[in-house]
Amino acid sequence: MPALPILSDAEDFDWSDPDEVPRPIVAFGAEMSDTGGFELEQHSHRKGQMMLVQRGALSCEVEGGLWIVPPRSAIWIPGGALHAIKVTGMLEGYNAFVDPAVGTQLPQTCCAVSVTPLLRELLTRAARLPYFYEQDGANARLVAVLLDELGSAQVEDLHLPMPRDPRLRKIVDEMMASPADRGSLTVWAKRAGMSERTLGRLVCRETGMSFGRWRQQFAIVLAVKWLAGGASIQRVAGDLGYESVPSFVTMFRKALGTSPGRYMAERHSS
């Protein structure tokens, strides 16, 4: 099964399972213009997978975590990792599957990474190759440089650890359904039928974060997803339950080092 709806520049393109193609890298374009969205249930690949987003955004849940991938970012999923993908609205980008035998310098765990202009151009070139391209000469050099760029890509903090404990998953589901509900630790503990101390310890054990830090990261990943989908800063602040836009902007700047407006402007530039 393909990881996303596909679009290839190669004239002789014919869909095949990337895991079955005996090449170090198999790349192709991914495009979705239907605003109805796209969802791929949990699955895995033998090869590692890099999904680069040029326009739009996607979310990917991998064992124990949720990643948001905005424009000019990519997600790396190691081979064998179970993952589910969700796209809302339009999407343009690239997919690359890397044979584990040649991608030894790539991360061993799932992560979101920033995309340099060179990495983007290399993926664009790789997507134009036939599936069964010749493995010497210029192609070999292209693949080698692409692997180097993938291996040195800067990791981005767009990850939300997802708890496994059913009591916490229920809280997460309620937060996802009503992100504007900014109940305190006390409020959520009461709803879950446990003490504040128990809830705080459970969140820390399951996510590696305090409740407040996890809650902030929850807001960040949703904000990035919505902003990438075209929502205004005012709407995002309101949908996340912030009383004012400045308070939301301050939180965003502290977490990502820049304002939401500048963050998205940089990602929509060339």
C-alpha atoms as a PDB file:
ATOM      1  CA  MET A   1       0.000   0.000   0.000  1.00  0.00           C
ATOM      2  CA  PRO A   2       1.325   3.503  -0.806  1.00  0.00           C
ATOM      3  CA  ALA A   3       2.085   5.797   2.105  1.00  0.00           C
ATOM      4  CA  LEU A   4       0.308   8.737   0.476  1.00  0.00           C
ATOM      5  CA  PRO A   5      -1.447   9.493  -2.838  1.00  0.00           C
ATOM      6  CA  ILE A   6       1.390   9.588  -5.329  1.00  0.00           C
ATOM      7  CA  LEU A   7       2.577  11.748  -8.181  1.00  0.00           C
ATOM      8  CA  SER A   8       5.738  10.887 -10.101  1.00  0.00           C
ATOM      9  CA  ASP A   9       7.712  12.795 -12.705  1.00  0.00           C
ATOM     10  CA  ALA A  10       9.231   9.581 -14.038  1.00  0.00           C
ATOM     11  CA  GLU A  11       7.808   8.665 -17.447  1.00  0.00           C
ATOM     12  CA  ASP A  12       7.953   4.936 -16.782  1.00  0.00           C
ATOM     13  CA  PHE A  13       6.409   5.183 -13.312  1.00  0.00           C
ATOM     14  CA  ASP A  14       4.416   2.128 -12.272  1.00  0.00           C
ATOM     15  CA  TRP A  15       3.442   1.670  -8.633  1.00  0.00           C
ATOM     16  CA  SER A  16       5.353  -1.018  -6.798  1.00  0.00           C
ATOM     17  CA  ASP A  17       5.820  -1.710  -3.113  1.00  0.00           C
ATOM     18  CA  PRO A  18       8.961   0.289  -2.176  1.00  0.00           C
ATOM     19  CA  ASP A  19      10.005  -2.534   0.155  1.00  0.00           C
ATOM     20  CA  GLU A  20      10.276  -4.810  -2.871  1.00  0.00           C
ATOM     21  CA  VAL A  21      12.355  -2.456  -5.014  1.00  0.00           C
ATOM     22  CA  PRO A  22      16.083  -3.396  -4.794  1.00  0.00           C
ATOM     23  CA  ARG A  23      17.408   0.156  -4.658  1.00  0.00           C
ATOM     24  CA  PRO A  24      18.942   2.085  -1.741  1.00  0.00           C
ATOM     25  CA  ILE A  25      16.404   4.904  -2.099  1.00  0.00           C
ATOM     26  CA  VAL A  26      12.974   4.912  -3.717  1.00  0.00           C
ATOM     27  CA  ALA A  27      11.421   8.383  -3.941  1.00  0.00           C
ATOM     28  CA  PHE A  28       8.298   9.873  -5.468  1.00  0.00           C
ATOM     29  CA  GLY A  29       6.091  12.949  -5.182  1.00  0.00           C
ATOM     30  CA  ALA A  30       2.970  12.981  -3.027  1.00  0.00           C
ATOM     31  CA  GLU A  31       0.038  15.257  -3.794  1.00  0.00           C
ATOM     32  CA  MET A  32      -3.491  15.711  -2.511  1.00  0.00           C
ATOM     33  CA  SER A  33      -5.744  18.514  -3.693  1.00  0.00           C
ATOM     34  CA  ASP A  34      -8.956  17.117  -2.183  1.00  0.00           C
ATOM     35  CA  THR A  35      -9.888  19.116   0.927  1.00  0.00           C
ATOM     36  CA  GLY A  36     -11.654  16.053   2.299  1.00  0.00           C
ATOM     37  CA  GLY A  37      -8.360  14.809   3.679  1.00  0.00           C
ATOM     38  CA  PHE A  38      -6.693  11.429   3.776  1.00  0.00           C
ATOM     39  CA  GLU A  39      -6.060   8.890   6.505  1.00  0.00           C
ATOM     40  CA  LEU A  40      -3.910   5.778   6.452  1.00  0.00           C
ATOM     41  CA  GLU A  41      -4.362   3.346   9.303  1.00  0.00           C
ATOM     42  CA  GLN A  42      -1.518   1.879  11.317  1.00  0.00           C
ATOM     43  CA  HIS A  43       1.025   0.016   9.184  1.00  0.00           C
ATOM     44  CA  SER A  44       4.770  -0.423   8.792  1.00  0.00           C
ATOM     45  CA  HIS A  45       7.493  -0.782   6.145  1.00  0.00           C
ATOM     46  CA  ARG A  46      10.718  -2.738   6.093  1.00  0.00           C
ATOM     47  CA  LYS A  47      12.493   0.360   4.799  1.00  0.00           C
ATOM     48  CA  GLY A  48      12.807   3.634   6.654  1.00  0.00           C
ATOM     49  CA  GLN A  49      10.517   6.397   5.376  1.00  0.00           C
ATOM     50  CA  MET A  50      11.066  10.127   5.028  1.00  0.00           C
ATOM     51  CA  MET A  51       7.990  12.282   4.308  1.00  0.00           C
ATOM     52  CA  LEU A  52       8.752  15.878   3.302  1.00  0.00           C
ATOM     53  CA  VAL A  53       5.963  18.475   3.307  1.00  0.00           C
ATOM     54  CA  GLN A  54       6.140  21.400   0.890  1.00  0.00           C
ATOM     55  CA  ARG A  55       2.582  22.655   1.229  1.00  0.00           C
ATOM     56  CA  GLY A  56      -0.083  21.779   3.785  1.00  0.00           C
ATOM     57  CA  ALA A  57       0.588  19.658   6.872  1.00  0.00           C
ATOM     58  CA  LEU A  58       0.229  16.107   8.101  1.00  0.00           C
ATOM     59  CA  SER A  59       0.139  14.383  11.451  1.00  0.00           C
ATOM     60  CA  CYS A  60       1.743  11.036  12.098  1.00  0.00           C
ATOM     61  CA  GLU A  61       1.223   8.877  15.167  1.00  0.00           C
ATOM     62  CA  VAL A  62       4.070   6.464  15.768  1.00  0.00           C
ATOM     63  CA  GLU A  63       4.321   4.096  18.713  1.00  0.00           C
ATOM     64  CA  GLY A  64       4.265   6.356  21.754  1.00  0.00           C
ATOM     65  CA  GLY A  65       4.107   9.743  20.053  1.00  0.00           C
ATOM     66  CA  LEU A  66       2.319  12.193  17.773  1.00  0.00           C
ATOM     67  CA  TRP A  67       4.300  14.275  15.264  1.00  0.00           C
ATOM     68  CA  ILE A  68       3.075  17.329  13.347  1.00  0.00           C
ATOM     69  CA  VAL A  69       4.846  18.047  10.052  1.00  0.00           C
ATOM     70  CA  PRO A  70       4.368  21.617   8.681  1.00  0.00           C
ATOM     71  CA  PRO A  71       5.753  23.014   5.402  1.00  0.00           C
ATOM     72  CA  ARG A  72       9.543  22.776   4.966  1.00  0.00           C
ATOM     73  CA  SER A  73       9.737  19.990   7.522  1.00  0.00           C
ATOM     74  CA  ALA A  74       9.888  16.229   7.211  1.00  0.00           C
ATOM     75  CA  ILE A  75       9.353  13.212   9.394  1.00  0.00           C
ATOM     76  CA  TRP A  76      11.677  10.242   9.569  1.00  0.00           C
ATOM     77  CA  ILE A  77      10.121   6.865  10.440  1.00  0.00           C
ATOM     78  CA  PRO A  78      12.570   3.991  10.980  1.00  0.00           C
ATOM     79  CA  GLY A  79      11.882   0.699   9.244  1.00  0.00           C
ATOM     80  CA  GLY A  80       9.511  -1.565  11.141  1.00  0.00           C
ATOM     81  CA  ALA A  81       7.877   1.212  13.194  1.00  0.00           C
ATOM     82  CA  LEU A  82       4.088   1.067  13.275  1.00  0.00           C
ATOM     83  CA  HIS A  83       2.609   4.409  12.209  1.00  0.00           C
ATOM     84  CA  ALA A  84      -0.640   6.030  11.107  1.00  0.00           C
ATOM     85  CA  ILE A  85      -0.888   9.117   8.887  1.00  0.00           C
ATOM     86  CA  LYS A  86      -3.578  11.779   8.714  1.00  0.00           C
ATOM     87  CA  VAL A  87      -3.826  14.656   6.248  1.00  0.00           C
ATOM     88  CA  THR A  88      -6.491  17.358   6.417  1.00  0.00           C
ATOM     89  CA  GLY A  89      -6.851  19.568   3.352  1.00  0.00           C
ATOM     90  CA  MET A  90      -4.379  19.804   0.498  1.00  0.00           C
ATOM     91  CA  LEU A  91      -0.859  18.451   0.637  1.00  0.00           C
ATOM     92  CA  GLU A  92       2.226  18.520  -1.549  1.00  0.00           C
ATOM     93  CA  GLY A  93       5.512  16.874  -0.753  1.00  0.00           C
ATOM     94  CA  TYR A  94       7.820  13.930  -1.296  1.00  0.00           C
ATOM     95  CA  ASN A  95       8.214  10.404   0.023  1.00  0.00           C
ATOM     96  CA  ALA A  96      11.534   8.588   0.200  1.00  0.00           C
ATOM     97  CA  PHE A  97      12.053   4.999   1.331  1.00  0.00           C
ATOM     98  CA  VAL A  98      15.578   4.134   2.463  1.00  0.00           C
ATOM     99  CA  ASP A  99      16.939   0.602   2.624  1.00  0.00           C
ATOM    100  CA  PRO A 100      18.240  -0.021   6.167  1.00  0.00           C
ATOM    101  CA  ALA A 101      21.380  -1.598   4.698  1.00  0.00           C
ATOM    102  CA  VAL A 102      22.538   1.812   3.394  1.00  0.00           C
ATOM    103  CA  GLY A 103      20.897   4.192   5.876  1.00  0.00           C
ATOM    104  CA  THR A 104      22.959   3.298   8.922  1.00  0.00           C
ATOM    105  CA  GLN A 105      23.726   6.957   9.706  1.00  0.00           C
ATOM    106  CA  LEU A 106      20.032   7.844   9.906  1.00  0.00           C
ATOM    107  CA  PRO A 107      18.164   8.232  13.233  1.00  0.00           C
ATOM    108  CA  GLN A 108      17.117   5.033  14.958  1.00  0.00           C
ATOM    109  CA  THR A 109      13.944   6.608  16.347  1.00  0.00           C
ATOM    110  CA  CYS A 110      11.128   8.629  14.802  1.00  0.00           C
ATOM    111  CA  CYS A 111      11.742  12.383  14.596  1.00  0.00           C
ATOM    112  CA  ALA A 112      10.686  15.548  12.768  1.00  0.00           C
ATOM    113  CA  VAL A 113      13.494  17.336  10.920  1.00  0.00           C
ATOM    114  CA  SER A 114      13.916  20.666   9.151  1.00  0.00           C
ATOM    115  CA  VAL A 115      14.471  20.604   5.402  1.00  0.00           C
ATOM    116  CA  THR A 116      17.312  22.541   3.799  1.00  0.00           C
ATOM    117  CA  PRO A 117      17.016  23.776   0.188  1.00  0.00           C
ATOM    118  CA  LEU A 118      19.659  21.209  -0.793  1.00  0.00           C
ATOM    119  CA  LEU A 119      17.725  18.325   0.783  1.00  0.00           C
ATOM    120  CA  ARG A 120      14.544  19.454  -0.957  1.00  0.00           C
ATOM    121  CA  GLU A 121      16.272  19.626  -4.348  1.00  0.00           C
ATOM    122  CA  LEU A 122      17.905  16.230  -3.858  1.00  0.00           C
ATOM    123  CA  LEU A 123      14.542  14.637  -3.087  1.00  0.00           C
ATOM    124  CA  THR A 124      13.025  16.354  -6.123  1.00  0.00           C
ATOM    125  CA  ARG A 125      15.778  14.904  -8.309  1.00  0.00           C
ATOM    126  CA  ALA A 126      15.453  11.451  -6.746  1.00  0.00           C
ATOM    127  CA  ALA A 127      11.684  11.462  -7.343  1.00  0.00           C
ATOM    128  CA  ARG A 128      12.318  11.917 -11.072  1.00  0.00           C
ATOM    129  CA  LEU A 129      14.375   8.751 -11.312  1.00  0.00           C
ATOM    130  CA  PRO A 130      12.767   5.544 -12.591  1.00  0.00           C
ATOM    131  CA  TYR A 131      12.003   3.017  -9.877  1.00  0.00           C
ATOM    132  CA  PHE A 132      14.727   0.696 -11.171  1.00  0.00           C
ATOM    133  CA  TYR A 133      17.349   3.344 -11.907  1.00  0.00           C
ATOM    134  CA  GLU A 134      20.946   2.492 -12.788  1.00  0.00           C
ATOM    135  CA  GLN A 135      23.015   2.367  -9.596  1.00  0.00           C
ATOM    136  CA  ASP A 136      26.285   3.812 -10.833  1.00  0.00           C
ATOM    137  CA  GLY A 137      27.615   7.157 -12.039  1.00  0.00           C
ATOM    138  CA  ALA A 138      25.525  10.254 -11.342  1.00  0.00           C
ATOM    139  CA  ASN A 139      22.730   8.262  -9.679  1.00  0.00           C
ATOM    140  CA  ALA A 140      25.131   6.756  -7.140  1.00  0.00           C
ATOM    141  CA  ARG A 141      26.509  10.202  -6.308  1.00  0.00           C
ATOM    142  CA  LEU A 142      23.000  11.646  -5.973  1.00  0.00           C
ATOM    143  CA  VAL A 143      21.969   8.876  -3.570  1.00  0.00           C
ATOM    144  CA  ALA A 144      25.154   9.281  -1.510  1.00  0.00           C
ATOM    145  CA  VAL A 145      24.658  13.033  -1.063  1.00  0.00           C
ATOM    146  CA  LEU A 146      20.954  12.555  -0.294  1.00  0.00           C
ATOM    147  CA  LEU A 147      21.797  10.049   2.438  1.00  0.00           C
ATOM    148  CA  ASP A 148      24.338  12.487   3.886  1.00  0.00           C
ATOM    149  CA  GLU A 149      21.752  15.278   3.972  1.00  0.00           C
ATOM    150  CA  LEU A 150      19.112  13.056   5.556  1.00  0.00           C
ATOM    151  CA  GLY A 151      21.578  11.972   8.209  1.00  0.00           C
ATOM    152  CA  SER A 152      22.604  15.531   9.108  1.00  0.00           C
ATOM    153  CA  ALA A 153      19.107  17.098   9.081  1.00  0.00           C
ATOM    154  CA  GLN A 154      18.321  19.165  12.189  1.00  0.00           C
ATOM    155  CA  VAL A 155      15.728  17.632  14.521  1.00  0.00           C
ATOM    156  CA  GLU A 156      12.698  19.825  15.342  1.00  0.00           C
ATOM    157  CA  ASP A 157      10.651  19.773  18.538  1.00  0.00           C
ATOM    158  CA  LEU A 158       7.262  19.006  16.981  1.00  0.00           C
ATOM    159  CA  HIS A 159       6.657  15.838  18.942  1.00  0.00           C
ATOM    160  CA  LEU A 160       3.950  15.153  21.500  1.00  0.00           C
ATOM    161  CA  PRO A 161       4.620  12.059  23.657  1.00  0.00           C
ATOM    162  CA  MET A 162       1.445   9.980  23.844  1.00  0.00           C
ATOM    163  CA  PRO A 163       0.730   8.023  27.046  1.00  0.00           C
ATOM    164  CA  ARG A 164      -0.310   4.389  27.016  1.00  0.00           C
ATOM    165  CA  ASP A 165      -2.129   4.317  30.344  1.00  0.00           C
ATOM    166  CA  PRO A 166      -5.884   4.113  29.568  1.00  0.00           C
ATOM    167  CA  ARG A 167      -6.712   6.781  32.163  1.00  0.00           C
ATOM    168  CA  LEU A 168      -4.343   9.236  30.510  1.00  0.00           C
ATOM    169  CA  ARG A 169      -5.478   8.290  27.004  1.00  0.00           C
ATOM    170  CA  LYS A 170      -9.012   9.182  28.048  1.00  0.00           C
ATOM    171  CA  ILE A 171      -7.790  12.596  29.198  1.00  0.00           C
ATOM    172  CA  VAL A 172      -5.891  13.058  25.907  1.00  0.00           C
ATOM    173  CA  ASP A 173      -8.998  12.145  23.913  1.00  0.00           C
ATOM    174  CA  GLU A 174     -11.031  14.703  25.853  1.00  0.00           C
ATOM    175  CA  MET A 175      -8.367  17.362  25.270  1.00  0.00           C
ATOM    176  CA  MET A 176      -8.278  16.585  21.559  1.00  0.00           C
ATOM    177  CA  ALA A 177     -12.071  16.879  21.391  1.00  0.00           C
ATOM    178  CA  SER A 178     -12.090  20.197  23.308  1.00  0.00           C
ATOM    179  CA  PRO A 179      -8.648  21.862  22.962  1.00  0.00           C
ATOM    180  CA  ALA A 180     -10.034  25.164  24.292  1.00  0.00           C
ATOM    181  CA  ASP A 181     -10.704  23.539  27.662  1.00  0.00           C
ATOM    182  CA  ARG A 182      -7.735  24.775  29.694  1.00  0.00           C
ATOM    183  CA  GLY A 183      -8.591  22.952  32.907  1.00  0.00           C
ATOM    184  CA  SER A 184      -5.825  22.851  35.519  1.00  0.00           C
ATOM    185  CA  LEU A 185      -4.092  19.744  36.875  1.00  0.00           C
ATOM    186  CA  THR A 186      -6.561  19.874  39.758  1.00  0.00           C
ATOM    187  CA  VAL A 187      -9.540  19.902  37.412  1.00  0.00           C
ATOM    188  CA  TRP A 188      -8.272  17.043  35.250  1.00  0.00           C
ATOM    189  CA  ALA A 189      -7.333  14.954  38.282  1.00  0.00           C
ATOM    190  CA  LYS A 190     -10.840  15.351  39.659  1.00  0.00           C
ATOM    191  CA  ARG A 191     -12.373  14.352  36.311  1.00  0.00           C
ATOM    192  CA  ALA A 192     -10.123  11.290  36.149  1.00  0.00           C
ATOM    193  CA  GLY A 193     -10.931  10.292  39.749  1.00  0.00           C
ATOM    194  CA  MET A 194      -7.384  10.543  41.078  1.00  0.00           C
ATOM    195  CA  SER A 195      -5.297  12.894  43.196  1.00  0.00           C
ATOM    196  CA  GLU A 196      -3.226  15.707  41.707  1.00  0.00           C
ATOM    197  CA  ARG A 197      -0.046  14.010  42.860  1.00  0.00           C
ATOM    198  CA  THR A 198      -1.024  10.699  41.256  1.00  0.00           C
ATOM    199  CA  LEU A 199      -1.945  12.342  37.958  1.00  0.00           C
ATOM    200  CA  GLY A 200       1.242  14.416  37.920  1.00  0.00           C
ATOM    201  CA  ARG A 201       3.437  11.394  38.584  1.00  0.00           C
ATOM    202  CA  LEU A 202       1.598   9.320  35.979  1.00  0.00           C
ATOM    203  CA  VAL A 203       1.986  11.986  33.284  1.00  0.00           C
ATOM    204  CA  CYS A 204       5.707  12.342  34.069  1.00  0.00           C
ATOM    205  CA  ARG A 205       6.255   8.575  33.982  1.00  0.00           C
ATOM    206  CA  GLU A 206       4.359   8.094  30.730  1.00  0.00           C
ATOM    207  CA  THR A 207       5.560  11.141  28.773  1.00  0.00           C
ATOM    208  CA  GLY A 208       8.783  12.277  30.458  1.00  0.00           C
ATOM    209  CA  MET A 209       7.212  15.721  30.984  1.00  0.00           C
ATOM    210  CA  SER A 210       5.362  17.551  33.718  1.00  0.00           C
ATOM    211  CA  PHE A 211       1.633  18.045  33.159  1.00  0.00           C
ATOM    212  CA  GLY A 212       2.193  21.743  32.404  1.00  0.00           C
ATOM    213  CA  ARG A 213       5.015  21.078  29.938  1.00  0.00           C
ATOM    214  CA  TRP A 214       3.026  18.355  28.186  1.00  0.00           C
ATOM    215  CA  ARG A 215      -0.002  20.647  28.006  1.00  0.00           C
ATOM    216  CA  GLN A 216       2.114  23.378  26.400  1.00  0.00           C
ATOM    217  CA  GLN A 217       3.530  20.940  23.842  1.00  0.00           C
ATOM    218  CA  PHE A 218      -0.018  19.792  23.106  1.00  0.00           C
ATOM    219  CA  ALA A 219      -0.928  23.401  22.305  1.00  0.00           C
ATOM    220  CA  ILE A 220       2.176  23.864  20.150  1.00  0.00           C
ATOM    221  CA  VAL A 221       1.600  20.846  17.915  1.00  0.00           C
ATOM    222  CA  LEU A 222      -2.055  21.762  17.390  1.00  0.00           C
ATOM    223  CA  ALA A 223      -1.158  25.405  16.708  1.00  0.00           C
ATOM    224  CA  VAL A 224       1.440  24.447  14.094  1.00  0.00           C
ATOM    225  CA  LYS A 225      -1.008  22.057  12.439  1.00  0.00           C
ATOM    226  CA  TRP A 226      -3.799  24.639  12.272  1.00  0.00           C
ATOM    227  CA  LEU A 227      -1.549  27.497  11.158  1.00  0.00           C
ATOM    228  CA  ALA A 228      -0.120  25.308   8.381  1.00  0.00           C
ATOM    229  CA  GLY A 229      -3.678  24.595   7.305  1.00  0.00           C
ATOM    230  CA  GLY A 230      -4.353  28.321   6.837  1.00  0.00           C
ATOM    231  CA  ALA A 231      -6.010  29.288  10.143  1.00  0.00           C
ATOM    232  CA  SER A 232      -5.356  32.804  11.445  1.00  0.00           C
ATOM    233  CA  ILE A 233      -3.362  33.438  14.606  1.00  0.00           C
ATOM    234  CA  GLN A 234      -6.487  34.922  16.205  1.00  0.00           C
ATOM    235  CA  ARG A 235      -8.524  31.816  15.475  1.00  0.00           C
ATOM    236  CA  VAL A 236      -5.813  29.447  16.707  1.00  0.00           C
ATOM    237  CA  ALA A 237      -5.441  31.406  19.963  1.00  0.00           C
ATOM    238  CA  GLY A 238      -9.194  31.233  20.514  1.00  0.00           C
ATOM    239  CA  ASP A 239      -9.498  27.559  19.616  1.00  0.00           C
ATOM    240  CA  LEU A 240      -6.766  26.764  22.147  1.00  0.00           C
ATOM    241  CA  GLY A 241      -8.599  28.667  24.884  1.00  0.00           C
ATOM    242  CA  TYR A 242      -6.223  31.624  25.231  1.00  0.00           C
ATOM    243  CA  GLU A 243      -7.873  34.772  26.560  1.00  0.00           C
ATOM    244  CA  SER A 244      -5.787  36.985  24.300  1.00  0.00           C
ATOM    245  CA  VAL A 245      -3.650  36.698  21.177  1.00  0.00           C
ATOM    246  CA  PRO A 246      -0.553  38.182  22.917  1.00  0.00           C
ATOM    247  CA  SER A 247      -0.609  35.460  25.581  1.00  0.00           C
ATOM    248  CA  PHE A 248      -0.730  32.778  22.884  1.00  0.00           C
ATOM    249  CA  VAL A 249       2.069  34.458  20.901  1.00  0.00           C
ATOM    250  CA  THR A 250       4.237  34.657  24.042  1.00  0.00           C
ATOM    251  CA  MET A 251       3.754  30.920  24.693  1.00  0.00           C
ATOM    252  CA  PHE A 252       4.543  30.086  21.067  1.00  0.00           C
ATOM    253  CA  ARG A 253       7.687  32.249  21.029  1.00  0.00           C
ATOM    254  CA  LYS A 254       8.988  30.704  24.262  1.00  0.00           C
ATOM    255  CA  ALA A 255       8.482  27.197  22.861  1.00  0.00           C
ATOM    256  CA  LEU A 256       9.788  27.647  19.301  1.00  0.00           C
ATOM    257  CA  GLY A 257      11.940  30.754  19.537  1.00  0.00           C
ATOM    258  CA  THR A 258       9.887  32.911  17.178  1.00  0.00           C
ATOM    259  CA  SER A 259       6.369  34.289  16.737  1.00  0.00           C
ATOM    260  CA  PRO A 260       3.722  32.172  14.976  1.00  0.00           C
ATOM    261  CA  GLY A 261       3.508  34.701  12.145  1.00  0.00           C
ATOM    262  CA  ARG A 262       7.241  34.645  11.461  1.00  0.00           C
ATOM    263  CA  TYR A 263       7.381  30.863  11.922  1.00  0.00           C
ATOM    264  CA  MET A 264       4.826  30.268   9.170  1.00  0.00           C
ATOM    265  CA  ALA A 265       6.150  33.048   6.906  1.00  0.00           C
ATOM    266  CA  GLU A 266       9.564  31.398   6.862  1.00  0.00           C
ATOM    267  CA  ARG A 267       7.993  28.059   5.950  1.00  0.00           C
ATOM    268  CA  HIS A 268       5.970  29.460   3.090  1.00  0.00           C
ATOM    269  CA  SER A 269       8.929  31.312   1.589  1.00  0.00           C
ATOM    270  CA  SER A 270      10.876  29.739  -1.243  1.00  0.00           C
END
